[in-house]
Amino acid sequence: MPQKSTRSTRPRGGKRERLAAAAAEVFHQRGVERTTLGDIAAAAEVPVGNVYYYFKTKDQLVEAALGAHLDQLRTVTAQLELLPDPADRLKALIGGWVDQRERSARYGCPFGTLATELDKREEGEAGLDRSAAEVLRALLDWVTDQFTQLGRADARDLAVELVAAYQGMSVLTNALRDPELMATRGRQLTAWIDTLR
């Protein structure tokens, strides 16, 4: 059995990037309202004073966390683009979601839970709900492009259906604390992709 690495698992990059990635992770686990700047500093392994150097408010950290989610999405989709077939790209995307089923069972969708929480804040509060929508729009655009490459005239509708299915299975997996729900639904979605060629 391979040994676990004893190296730090903190994100690479500068302190600002580490803080943004840590914020995304801690917000996922605890929610924005329950997270302190000290929690984020500890997760990023930087002194708490550094948080204030880069981010004056928690909302600025939320904005940075949204940016980290968008960066992660771009990284994932760039890797998926290496696959020659758009159907295989979509199935690999679903596979990635299913691979995260244990985390989803415990905390929900890393991005969906944050977007939902931001939507419940006071109207107009920093416009973070609109920033969250940009990340979802980027995912929808990428999925739409894959369906378009499959020759589907209904590509956008299919993209909405796939992303909505993922969000729904994330909510159920989390609410029922049952990762196998996501595995089962992932197999169904993969089979569905095969019917759309």
N, C-alpha and C. Protein backbone atom coordinates (compact mmCIF):
# COMPACT_ATOMS: atom_id res chain seq x y z
N MET A 1 0.84 -1.18 0.00
CA MET A 1 0.00 0.00 0.00
C MET A 1 0.88 1.24 0.00
N PRO A 2 0.63 2.24 -0.87
CA PRO A 2 1.47 3.42 -0.90
C PRO A 2 1.34 4.23 0.38
N GLN A 3 2.43 4.83 0.75
CA GLN A 3 2.45 5.69 1.94
C GLN A 3 1.92 7.07 1.56
N LYS A 4 1.23 7.68 2.49
CA LYS A 4 0.80 9.06 2.28
C LYS A 4 2.01 9.97 2.39
N SER A 5 2.03 10.98 1.55
CA SER A 5 3.12 11.94 1.59
C SER A 5 3.06 12.75 2.87
N THR A 6 4.21 13.07 3.41
CA THR A 6 4.24 13.90 4.61
C THR A 6 4.40 15.38 4.24
N ARG A 7 4.48 15.65 2.94
CA ARG A 7 4.59 17.05 2.50
C ARG A 7 3.28 17.78 2.76
N SER A 8 3.40 19.09 2.89
CA SER A 8 2.22 19.92 3.10
C SER A 8 1.29 19.81 1.89
N THR A 9 -0.02 19.86 2.14
CA THR A 9 -0.99 19.80 1.05
C THR A 9 -1.53 21.19 0.72
N ARG A 10 -0.93 22.23 1.24
CA ARG A 10 -1.44 23.56 0.97
C ARG A 10 -1.24 23.90 -0.51
N PRO A 11 -2.11 24.74 -1.06
CA PRO A 11 -2.02 25.09 -2.46
C PRO A 11 -0.70 25.78 -2.78
N ARG A 12 -0.19 25.52 -3.98
CA ARG A 12 1.03 26.20 -4.41
C ARG A 12 0.69 27.61 -4.85
N GLY A 13 1.73 28.41 -5.02
CA GLY A 13 1.54 29.77 -5.47
C GLY A 13 1.84 30.75 -4.37
N GLY A 14 1.59 32.01 -4.67
CA GLY A 14 1.83 33.05 -3.69
C GLY A 14 0.80 33.02 -2.58
N LYS A 15 1.04 33.87 -1.59
CA LYS A 15 0.14 33.89 -0.43
C LYS A 15 -1.29 34.25 -0.82
N ARG A 16 -1.44 35.20 -1.74
CA ARG A 16 -2.79 35.59 -2.15
C ARG A 16 -3.53 34.40 -2.75
N GLU A 17 -2.87 33.66 -3.63
CA GLU A 17 -3.49 32.49 -4.27
C GLU A 17 -3.79 31.41 -3.23
N ARG A 18 -2.87 31.21 -2.29
CA ARG A 18 -3.09 30.22 -1.24
C ARG A 18 -4.28 30.61 -0.37
N LEU A 19 -4.39 31.89 -0.06
CA LEU A 19 -5.52 32.35 0.74
C LEU A 19 -6.83 32.17 -0.01
N ALA A 20 -6.84 32.47 -1.31
CA ALA A 20 -8.07 32.31 -2.11
C ALA A 20 -8.48 30.85 -2.17
N ALA A 21 -7.52 29.95 -2.41
CA ALA A 21 -7.82 28.52 -2.46
C ALA A 21 -8.28 28.01 -1.09
N ALA A 22 -7.63 28.48 -0.04
CA ALA A 22 -8.03 28.07 1.32
C ALA A 22 -9.43 28.58 1.63
N ALA A 23 -9.73 29.81 1.22
CA ALA A 23 -11.07 30.36 1.45
C ALA A 23 -12.12 29.51 0.76
N ALA A 24 -11.87 29.12 -0.48
CA ALA A 24 -12.83 28.28 -1.21
C ALA A 24 -13.07 26.98 -0.45
N GLU A 25 -12.01 26.38 0.06
CA GLU A 25 -12.13 25.10 0.78
C GLU A 25 -12.85 25.27 2.12
N VAL A 26 -12.47 26.28 2.89
CA VAL A 26 -13.07 26.47 4.22
C VAL A 26 -14.52 26.91 4.08
N PHE A 27 -14.82 27.78 3.12
CA PHE A 27 -16.22 28.17 2.90
C PHE A 27 -17.06 26.94 2.54
N HIS A 28 -16.49 26.03 1.77
CA HIS A 28 -17.21 24.80 1.41
C HIS A 28 -17.53 23.98 2.65
N GLN A 29 -16.57 23.86 3.54
CA GLN A 29 -16.75 23.02 4.71
C GLN A 29 -17.59 23.67 5.81
N ARG A 30 -17.45 24.98 5.97
CA ARG A 30 -18.09 25.64 7.11
C ARG A 30 -19.16 26.65 6.74
N GLY A 31 -19.15 27.11 5.50
CA GLY A 31 -20.04 28.19 5.10
C GLY A 31 -19.38 29.53 5.35
N VAL A 32 -19.82 30.54 4.64
CA VAL A 32 -19.21 31.88 4.73
C VAL A 32 -19.42 32.48 6.12
N GLU A 33 -20.64 32.41 6.61
CA GLU A 33 -20.96 33.10 7.86
C GLU A 33 -20.23 32.51 9.06
N ARG A 34 -19.98 31.21 9.06
CA ARG A 34 -19.33 30.56 10.20
C ARG A 34 -17.80 30.59 10.10
N THR A 35 -17.27 31.05 8.98
CA THR A 35 -15.82 31.06 8.78
C THR A 35 -15.23 32.39 9.21
N THR A 36 -14.13 32.31 9.95
CA THR A 36 -13.42 33.53 10.33
C THR A 36 -12.19 33.69 9.45
N LEU A 37 -11.65 34.89 9.44
CA LEU A 37 -10.42 35.12 8.68
C LEU A 37 -9.28 34.29 9.27
N GLY A 38 -9.33 34.05 10.58
CA GLY A 38 -8.34 33.19 11.22
C GLY A 38 -8.41 31.76 10.72
N ASP A 39 -9.62 31.26 10.45
CA ASP A 39 -9.79 29.92 9.90
C ASP A 39 -9.09 29.81 8.55
N ILE A 40 -9.26 30.84 7.75
CA ILE A 40 -8.68 30.83 6.41
C ILE A 40 -7.17 30.95 6.49
N ALA A 41 -6.67 31.80 7.37
CA ALA A 41 -5.23 31.93 7.55
C ALA A 41 -4.61 30.60 7.98
N ALA A 42 -5.27 29.91 8.90
CA ALA A 42 -4.75 28.62 9.37
C ALA A 42 -4.73 27.61 8.22
N ALA A 43 -5.80 27.57 7.42
CA ALA A 43 -5.86 26.62 6.31
C ALA A 43 -4.81 26.91 5.25
N ALA A 44 -4.50 28.19 5.06
CA ALA A 44 -3.49 28.59 4.07
C ALA A 44 -2.08 28.54 4.64
N GLU A 45 -1.98 28.30 5.95
CA GLU A 45 -0.70 28.27 6.66
C GLU A 45 0.07 29.58 6.51
N VAL A 46 -0.66 30.68 6.75
CA VAL A 46 -0.05 32.01 6.76
C VAL A 46 -0.50 32.74 8.03
N PRO A 47 0.29 33.69 8.49
CA PRO A 47 -0.14 34.47 9.66
C PRO A 47 -1.42 35.24 9.34
N VAL A 48 -2.28 35.37 10.34
CA VAL A 48 -3.57 36.03 10.13
C VAL A 48 -3.39 37.46 9.63
N GLY A 49 -2.32 38.12 10.01
CA GLY A 49 -2.06 39.47 9.51
C GLY A 49 -1.93 39.53 8.01
N ASN A 50 -1.46 38.44 7.40
CA ASN A 50 -1.34 38.41 5.94
C ASN A 50 -2.69 38.44 5.26
N VAL A 51 -3.71 37.91 5.93
CA VAL A 51 -5.05 37.94 5.34
C VAL A 51 -5.45 39.39 5.13
N TYR A 52 -5.24 40.21 6.15
CA TYR A 52 -5.63 41.62 6.08
C TYR A 52 -4.79 42.40 5.08
N TYR A 53 -3.57 41.95 4.85
CA TYR A 53 -2.72 42.61 3.85
C TYR A 53 -3.31 42.45 2.45
N TYR A 54 -3.82 41.26 2.16
CA TYR A 54 -4.34 40.98 0.83
C TYR A 54 -5.84 41.23 0.69
N PHE A 55 -6.57 41.05 1.78
CA PHE A 55 -8.04 41.17 1.73
C PHE A 55 -8.50 41.98 2.93
N LYS A 56 -9.13 43.09 2.68
CA LYS A 56 -9.57 43.98 3.76
C LYS A 56 -10.87 43.51 4.41
N THR A 57 -11.67 42.76 3.66
CA THR A 57 -12.96 42.31 4.18
C THR A 57 -13.18 40.83 3.83
N LYS A 58 -14.12 40.23 4.52
CA LYS A 58 -14.47 38.85 4.20
C LYS A 58 -15.07 38.77 2.80
N ASP A 59 -15.84 39.79 2.40
CA ASP A 59 -16.42 39.77 1.05
C ASP A 59 -15.34 39.74 -0.03
N GLN A 60 -14.21 40.40 0.21
CA GLN A 60 -13.11 40.32 -0.75
C GLN A 60 -12.56 38.90 -0.81
N LEU A 61 -12.55 38.22 0.32
CA LEU A 61 -12.12 36.82 0.33
C LEU A 61 -13.13 35.93 -0.39
N VAL A 62 -14.41 36.23 -0.23
CA VAL A 62 -15.43 35.47 -0.95
C VAL A 62 -15.23 35.65 -2.45
N GLU A 63 -15.00 36.88 -2.88
CA GLU A 63 -14.75 37.15 -4.30
C GLU A 63 -13.53 36.38 -4.77
N ALA A 64 -12.48 36.34 -3.96
CA ALA A 64 -11.28 35.57 -4.32
C ALA A 64 -11.58 34.07 -4.38
N ALA A 65 -12.41 33.59 -3.47
CA ALA A 65 -12.80 32.17 -3.49
C ALA A 65 -13.57 31.85 -4.77
N LEU A 66 -14.44 32.75 -5.19
CA LEU A 66 -15.16 32.56 -6.44
C LEU A 66 -14.17 32.50 -7.61
N GLY A 67 -13.16 33.37 -7.56
CA GLY A 67 -12.12 33.34 -8.59
C GLY A 67 -11.37 32.02 -8.57
N ALA A 68 -11.13 31.48 -7.38
CA ALA A 68 -10.44 30.19 -7.26
C ALA A 68 -11.30 29.07 -7.86
N HIS A 69 -12.61 29.14 -7.64
CA HIS A 69 -13.51 28.15 -8.25
C HIS A 69 -13.45 28.24 -9.77
N LEU A 70 -13.45 29.47 -10.30
CA LEU A 70 -13.39 29.65 -11.74
C LEU A 70 -12.06 29.14 -12.30
N ASP A 71 -10.96 29.43 -11.60
CA ASP A 71 -9.65 28.93 -12.03
C ASP A 71 -9.63 27.40 -12.03
N GLN A 72 -10.21 26.79 -10.99
CA GLN A 72 -10.24 25.33 -10.92
C GLN A 72 -11.08 24.76 -12.06
N LEU A 73 -12.21 25.39 -12.36
CA LEU A 73 -13.04 24.95 -13.48
C LEU A 73 -12.26 25.02 -14.78
N ARG A 74 -11.55 26.10 -14.99
CA ARG A 74 -10.76 26.25 -16.23
C ARG A 74 -9.66 25.20 -16.31
N THR A 75 -9.05 24.88 -15.18
CA THR A 75 -8.01 23.84 -15.16
C THR A 75 -8.60 22.48 -15.52
N VAL A 76 -9.73 22.16 -14.91
CA VAL A 76 -10.38 20.88 -15.17
C VAL A 76 -10.81 20.78 -16.63
N THR A 77 -11.46 21.82 -17.13
CA THR A 77 -11.95 21.74 -18.51
C THR A 77 -10.79 21.74 -19.50
N ALA A 78 -9.70 22.41 -19.19
CA ALA A 78 -8.52 22.35 -20.08
C ALA A 78 -7.98 20.93 -20.14
N GLN A 79 -7.96 20.24 -19.01
CA GLN A 79 -7.52 18.84 -19.00
C GLN A 79 -8.49 17.96 -19.79
N LEU A 80 -9.78 18.21 -19.64
CA LEU A 80 -10.77 17.43 -20.37
C LEU A 80 -10.67 17.66 -21.87
N GLU A 81 -10.27 18.85 -22.27
CA GLU A 81 -10.13 19.16 -23.69
C GLU A 81 -9.07 18.31 -24.37
N LEU A 82 -8.20 17.68 -23.59
CA LEU A 82 -7.19 16.80 -24.16
C LEU A 82 -7.80 15.51 -24.72
N LEU A 83 -9.00 15.18 -24.24
CA LEU A 83 -9.71 14.02 -24.78
C LEU A 83 -10.25 14.38 -26.16
N PRO A 84 -10.11 13.49 -27.14
CA PRO A 84 -10.49 13.86 -28.51
C PRO A 84 -11.99 13.94 -28.78
N ASP A 85 -12.81 13.25 -27.97
CA ASP A 85 -14.24 13.16 -28.23
C ASP A 85 -15.04 13.96 -27.20
N PRO A 86 -15.97 14.83 -27.66
CA PRO A 86 -16.76 15.61 -26.69
C PRO A 86 -17.61 14.76 -25.76
N ALA A 87 -18.11 13.63 -26.23
CA ALA A 87 -18.89 12.76 -25.35
C ALA A 87 -17.99 12.20 -24.25
N ASP A 88 -16.76 11.85 -24.59
CA ASP A 88 -15.82 11.36 -23.57
C ASP A 88 -15.47 12.46 -22.58
N ARG A 89 -15.40 13.70 -23.06
CA ARG A 89 -15.13 14.83 -22.15
C ARG A 89 -16.26 14.97 -21.14
N LEU A 90 -17.49 14.88 -21.63
CA LEU A 90 -18.64 15.01 -20.73
C LEU A 90 -18.68 13.85 -19.73
N LYS A 91 -18.40 12.65 -20.20
CA LYS A 91 -18.40 11.50 -19.29
C LYS A 91 -17.27 11.61 -18.27
N ALA A 92 -16.14 12.16 -18.68
CA ALA A 92 -15.04 12.36 -17.73
C ALA A 92 -15.41 13.43 -16.70
N LEU A 93 -16.14 14.46 -17.13
CA LEU A 93 -16.62 15.48 -16.19
C LEU A 93 -17.53 14.82 -15.14
N ILE A 94 -18.45 14.01 -15.60
CA ILE A 94 -19.35 13.30 -14.68
C ILE A 94 -18.53 12.40 -13.76
N GLY A 95 -17.54 11.70 -14.32
CA GLY A 95 -16.67 10.85 -13.50
C GLY A 95 -15.96 11.62 -12.41
N GLY A 96 -15.53 12.83 -12.73
CA GLY A 96 -14.88 13.68 -11.72
C GLY A 96 -15.84 14.05 -10.61
N TRP A 97 -17.08 14.34 -10.97
CA TRP A 97 -18.08 14.63 -9.95
C TRP A 97 -18.29 13.42 -9.05
N VAL A 98 -18.41 12.25 -9.66
CA VAL A 98 -18.65 11.03 -8.89
C VAL A 98 -17.45 10.72 -7.99
N ASP A 99 -16.25 10.98 -8.48
CA ASP A 99 -15.05 10.75 -7.66
C ASP A 99 -15.05 11.57 -6.38
N GLN A 100 -15.77 12.68 -6.38
CA GLN A 100 -15.84 13.56 -5.21
C GLN A 100 -17.07 13.27 -4.34
N ARG A 101 -17.69 12.11 -4.52
CA ARG A 101 -18.95 11.82 -3.85
C ARG A 101 -18.84 11.79 -2.32
N GLU A 102 -17.71 11.37 -1.78
CA GLU A 102 -17.57 11.35 -0.32
C GLU A 102 -17.59 12.78 0.23
N ARG A 103 -16.89 13.69 -0.44
CA ARG A 103 -16.91 15.10 -0.03
C ARG A 103 -18.30 15.70 -0.19
N SER A 104 -18.95 15.34 -1.30
CA SER A 104 -20.31 15.84 -1.52
C SER A 104 -21.26 15.35 -0.45
N ALA A 105 -21.09 14.10 -0.03
CA ALA A 105 -21.95 13.56 1.02
C ALA A 105 -21.77 14.33 2.32
N ARG A 106 -20.57 14.78 2.56
CA ARG A 106 -20.30 15.49 3.82
C ARG A 106 -20.62 16.98 3.74
N TYR A 107 -20.25 17.62 2.61
CA TYR A 107 -20.37 19.08 2.54
C TYR A 107 -21.25 19.61 1.41
N GLY A 108 -21.68 18.77 0.49
CA GLY A 108 -22.42 19.25 -0.68
C GLY A 108 -21.46 19.64 -1.79
N CYS A 109 -22.01 20.19 -2.84
CA CYS A 109 -21.21 20.63 -3.98
C CYS A 109 -20.32 21.80 -3.56
N PRO A 110 -19.02 21.75 -3.86
CA PRO A 110 -18.13 22.83 -3.43
C PRO A 110 -18.59 24.21 -3.89
N PHE A 111 -19.13 24.28 -5.09
CA PHE A 111 -19.56 25.57 -5.58
C PHE A 111 -21.04 25.85 -5.33
N GLY A 112 -21.86 24.83 -5.51
CA GLY A 112 -23.30 25.03 -5.35
C GLY A 112 -23.69 25.51 -3.97
N THR A 113 -23.04 24.96 -2.93
CA THR A 113 -23.36 25.39 -1.57
C THR A 113 -22.99 26.86 -1.35
N LEU A 114 -21.87 27.27 -1.93
CA LEU A 114 -21.45 28.68 -1.79
C LEU A 114 -22.41 29.59 -2.54
N ALA A 115 -22.78 29.22 -3.76
CA ALA A 115 -23.70 30.04 -4.55
C ALA A 115 -25.04 30.19 -3.84
N THR A 116 -25.53 29.10 -3.26
CA THR A 116 -26.81 29.14 -2.55
C THR A 116 -26.72 30.04 -1.33
N GLU A 117 -25.62 29.92 -0.59
CA GLU A 117 -25.46 30.77 0.59
C GLU A 117 -25.39 32.25 0.22
N LEU A 118 -24.67 32.57 -0.83
CA LEU A 118 -24.53 33.96 -1.25
C LEU A 118 -25.86 34.53 -1.71
N ASP A 119 -26.71 33.70 -2.31
CA ASP A 119 -28.01 34.16 -2.77
C ASP A 119 -28.92 34.54 -1.61
N LYS A 120 -28.67 34.00 -0.43
CA LYS A 120 -29.53 34.26 0.73
C LYS A 120 -29.12 35.52 1.49
N ARG A 121 -28.06 36.17 1.07
CA ARG A 121 -27.63 37.39 1.75
C ARG A 121 -28.54 38.54 1.37
N GLU A 122 -28.38 39.65 2.06
CA GLU A 122 -29.19 40.84 1.78
C GLU A 122 -29.06 41.24 0.32
N GLU A 123 -30.16 41.69 -0.26
CA GLU A 123 -30.19 42.13 -1.66
C GLU A 123 -29.11 43.16 -1.92
N GLY A 124 -28.32 42.91 -2.95
CA GLY A 124 -27.29 43.86 -3.36
C GLY A 124 -26.03 43.82 -2.53
N GLU A 125 -25.93 42.93 -1.56
CA GLU A 125 -24.76 42.89 -0.68
C GLU A 125 -23.54 42.43 -1.47
N ALA A 126 -22.78 43.41 -1.94
CA ALA A 126 -21.52 43.22 -2.65
C ALA A 126 -21.68 42.54 -4.01
N GLY A 127 -22.89 42.20 -4.43
CA GLY A 127 -23.10 41.59 -5.74
C GLY A 127 -22.43 40.24 -5.90
N LEU A 128 -22.13 39.57 -4.79
CA LEU A 128 -21.42 38.31 -4.86
C LEU A 128 -22.27 37.21 -5.48
N ASP A 129 -23.59 37.30 -5.35
CA ASP A 129 -24.44 36.30 -5.99
C ASP A 129 -24.30 36.36 -7.51
N ARG A 130 -24.11 37.57 -8.06
CA ARG A 130 -23.91 37.71 -9.50
C ARG A 130 -22.53 37.17 -9.91
N SER A 131 -21.54 37.35 -9.05
CA SER A 131 -20.21 36.78 -9.32
C SER A 131 -20.28 35.25 -9.32
N ALA A 132 -21.07 34.70 -8.42
CA ALA A 132 -21.24 33.25 -8.37
C ALA A 132 -21.90 32.76 -9.65
N ALA A 133 -22.84 33.51 -10.16
CA ALA A 133 -23.52 33.12 -11.40
C ALA A 133 -22.54 33.03 -12.56
N GLU A 134 -21.50 33.86 -12.55
CA GLU A 134 -20.50 33.82 -13.63
C GLU A 134 -19.80 32.47 -13.67
N VAL A 135 -19.53 31.88 -12.52
CA VAL A 135 -18.87 30.58 -12.49
C VAL A 135 -19.79 29.52 -13.07
N LEU A 136 -21.05 29.52 -12.66
CA LEU A 136 -22.00 28.56 -13.21
C LEU A 136 -22.19 28.76 -14.71
N ARG A 137 -22.20 30.02 -15.14
CA ARG A 137 -22.35 30.32 -16.57
C ARG A 137 -21.16 29.76 -17.35
N ALA A 138 -19.96 29.86 -16.79
CA ALA A 138 -18.77 29.32 -17.46
C ALA A 138 -18.88 27.80 -17.61
N LEU A 139 -19.38 27.12 -16.58
CA LEU A 139 -19.58 25.67 -16.68
C LEU A 139 -20.63 25.35 -17.73
N LEU A 140 -21.75 26.06 -17.70
CA LEU A 140 -22.80 25.83 -18.69
C LEU A 140 -22.29 26.07 -20.11
N ASP A 141 -21.49 27.11 -20.29
CA ASP A 141 -20.95 27.42 -21.62
C ASP A 141 -20.05 26.29 -22.11
N TRP A 142 -19.20 25.76 -21.22
CA TRP A 142 -18.31 24.69 -21.63
C TRP A 142 -19.10 23.43 -21.98
N VAL A 143 -20.07 23.07 -21.15
CA VAL A 143 -20.89 21.89 -21.41
C VAL A 143 -21.70 22.08 -22.69
N THR A 144 -22.23 23.28 -22.90
CA THR A 144 -22.96 23.57 -24.13
C THR A 144 -22.07 23.35 -25.35
N ASP A 145 -20.84 23.81 -25.27
CA ASP A 145 -19.90 23.63 -26.38
C ASP A 145 -19.68 22.15 -26.69
N GLN A 146 -19.62 21.32 -25.66
CA GLN A 146 -19.43 19.88 -25.89
C GLN A 146 -20.63 19.29 -26.62
N PHE A 147 -21.83 19.65 -26.20
CA PHE A 147 -23.02 19.15 -26.88
C PHE A 147 -23.13 19.70 -28.30
N THR A 148 -22.70 20.94 -28.50
CA THR A 148 -22.68 21.51 -29.85
C THR A 148 -21.74 20.71 -30.74
N GLN A 149 -20.58 20.34 -30.20
CA GLN A 149 -19.63 19.54 -30.98
C GLN A 149 -20.19 18.15 -31.29
N LEU A 150 -21.14 17.69 -30.50
CA LEU A 150 -21.81 16.42 -30.78
C LEU A 150 -22.91 16.58 -31.84
N GLY A 151 -23.08 17.83 -32.32
CA GLY A 151 -24.07 18.09 -33.37
C GLY A 151 -25.48 18.30 -32.86
N ARG A 152 -25.61 18.62 -31.58
CA ARG A 152 -26.94 18.79 -31.00
C ARG A 152 -27.42 20.23 -31.13
N ALA A 153 -28.58 20.41 -31.77
CA ALA A 153 -29.18 21.74 -31.90
C ALA A 153 -29.71 22.22 -30.55
N ASP A 154 -30.00 21.29 -29.65
CA ASP A 154 -30.53 21.61 -28.33
C ASP A 154 -29.42 21.63 -27.27
N ALA A 155 -28.23 22.01 -27.68
CA ALA A 155 -27.04 21.91 -26.82
C ALA A 155 -27.21 22.65 -25.49
N ARG A 156 -27.77 23.86 -25.53
CA ARG A 156 -27.90 24.62 -24.27
C ARG A 156 -28.89 23.94 -23.33
N ASP A 157 -29.99 23.45 -23.86
CA ASP A 157 -30.97 22.76 -23.01
C ASP A 157 -30.35 21.51 -22.38
N LEU A 158 -29.57 20.78 -23.15
CA LEU A 158 -28.92 19.59 -22.62
C LEU A 158 -27.89 19.95 -21.55
N ALA A 159 -27.19 21.07 -21.77
CA ALA A 159 -26.20 21.52 -20.78
C ALA A 159 -26.88 21.87 -19.47
N VAL A 160 -27.99 22.58 -19.54
CA VAL A 160 -28.74 22.93 -18.33
C VAL A 160 -29.21 21.65 -17.64
N GLU A 161 -29.68 20.69 -18.42
CA GLU A 161 -30.15 19.43 -17.84
C GLU A 161 -29.02 18.70 -17.11
N LEU A 162 -27.83 18.65 -17.71
CA LEU A 162 -26.70 17.95 -17.09
C LEU A 162 -26.23 18.65 -15.81
N VAL A 163 -26.06 19.97 -15.88
CA VAL A 163 -25.58 20.71 -14.71
C VAL A 163 -26.63 20.67 -13.59
N ALA A 164 -27.90 20.78 -13.96
CA ALA A 164 -28.98 20.69 -12.95
C ALA A 164 -29.01 19.30 -12.32
N ALA A 165 -28.77 18.27 -13.12
CA ALA A 165 -28.74 16.91 -12.58
C ALA A 165 -27.61 16.77 -11.57
N TYR A 166 -26.45 17.35 -11.89
CA TYR A 166 -25.33 17.30 -10.94
C TYR A 166 -25.68 18.02 -9.65
N GLN A 167 -26.23 19.21 -9.75
CA GLN A 167 -26.58 19.95 -8.54
C GLN A 167 -27.61 19.19 -7.72
N GLY A 168 -28.59 18.60 -8.39
CA GLY A 168 -29.60 17.83 -7.68
C GLY A 168 -29.03 16.62 -6.98
N MET A 169 -28.14 15.90 -7.68
CA MET A 169 -27.57 14.71 -7.03
C MET A 169 -26.63 15.10 -5.90
N SER A 170 -26.01 16.27 -6.00
CA SER A 170 -25.16 16.76 -4.91
C SER A 170 -25.99 17.07 -3.67
N VAL A 171 -27.13 17.72 -3.88
CA VAL A 171 -28.01 18.05 -2.75
C VAL A 171 -28.52 16.78 -2.08
N LEU A 172 -28.99 15.83 -2.87
CA LEU A 172 -29.50 14.57 -2.29
C LEU A 172 -28.39 13.79 -1.59
N THR A 173 -27.23 13.72 -2.23
CA THR A 173 -26.11 13.00 -1.63
C THR A 173 -25.74 13.61 -0.28
N ASN A 174 -25.73 14.94 -0.21
CA ASN A 174 -25.41 15.64 1.02
C ASN A 174 -26.52 15.48 2.06
N ALA A 175 -27.75 15.70 1.66
CA ALA A 175 -28.86 15.65 2.61
C ALA A 175 -29.04 14.26 3.21
N LEU A 176 -28.84 13.24 2.38
CA LEU A 176 -29.03 11.87 2.85
C LEU A 176 -27.72 11.22 3.30
N ARG A 177 -26.61 11.96 3.14
CA ARG A 177 -25.28 11.45 3.51
C ARG A 177 -25.02 10.08 2.87
N ASP A 178 -25.37 9.98 1.58
CA ASP A 178 -25.27 8.72 0.87
C ASP A 178 -24.50 8.90 -0.43
N PRO A 179 -23.17 8.68 -0.42
CA PRO A 179 -22.38 8.87 -1.63
C PRO A 179 -22.77 7.95 -2.78
N GLU A 180 -23.40 6.82 -2.47
CA GLU A 180 -23.78 5.90 -3.55
C GLU A 180 -24.89 6.48 -4.43
N LEU A 181 -25.67 7.42 -3.91
CA LEU A 181 -26.65 8.10 -4.75
C LEU A 181 -25.95 8.79 -5.92
N MET A 182 -24.83 9.44 -5.63
CA MET A 182 -24.10 10.13 -6.68
C MET A 182 -23.48 9.14 -7.65
N ALA A 183 -22.98 8.02 -7.15
CA ALA A 183 -22.40 7.01 -8.03
C ALA A 183 -23.46 6.45 -8.97
N THR A 184 -24.63 6.16 -8.44
CA THR A 184 -25.72 5.61 -9.25
C THR A 184 -26.17 6.61 -10.30
N ARG A 185 -26.39 7.84 -9.88
CA ARG A 185 -26.84 8.88 -10.81
C ARG A 185 -25.76 9.17 -11.84
N GLY A 186 -24.52 9.10 -11.44
CA GLY A 186 -23.41 9.31 -12.39
C GLY A 186 -23.41 8.27 -13.49
N ARG A 187 -23.67 7.01 -13.13
CA ARG A 187 -23.76 5.94 -14.14
C ARG A 187 -24.93 6.21 -15.10
N GLN A 188 -26.04 6.68 -14.56
CA GLN A 188 -27.20 6.98 -15.40
C GLN A 188 -26.90 8.14 -16.36
N LEU A 189 -26.22 9.16 -15.87
CA LEU A 189 -25.89 10.30 -16.72
C LEU A 189 -24.89 9.91 -17.80
N THR A 190 -23.95 9.05 -17.45
CA THR A 190 -22.98 8.58 -18.44
C THR A 190 -23.69 7.80 -19.54
N ALA A 191 -24.62 6.95 -19.17
CA ALA A 191 -25.40 6.20 -20.17
C ALA A 191 -26.24 7.15 -21.01
N TRP A 192 -26.79 8.19 -20.39
CA TRP A 192 -27.58 9.19 -21.11
C TRP A 192 -26.73 9.88 -22.18
N ILE A 193 -25.50 10.24 -21.83
CA ILE A 193 -24.61 10.88 -22.81
C ILE A 193 -24.47 9.99 -24.05
N ASP A 194 -24.34 8.69 -23.84
CA ASP A 194 -24.18 7.76 -24.96
C ASP A 194 -25.40 7.74 -25.88
N THR A 195 -26.59 8.05 -25.35
CA THR A 195 -27.80 8.04 -26.19
C THR A 195 -27.91 9.31 -27.04
N LEU A 196 -27.08 10.30 -26.79
CA LEU A 196 -27.23 11.60 -27.45
C LEU A 196 -26.35 11.77 -28.69
N ARG A 197 -25.62 10.76 -29.05
CA ARG A 197 -24.73 10.86 -30.24
C ARG A 197 -25.54 10.87 -31.51
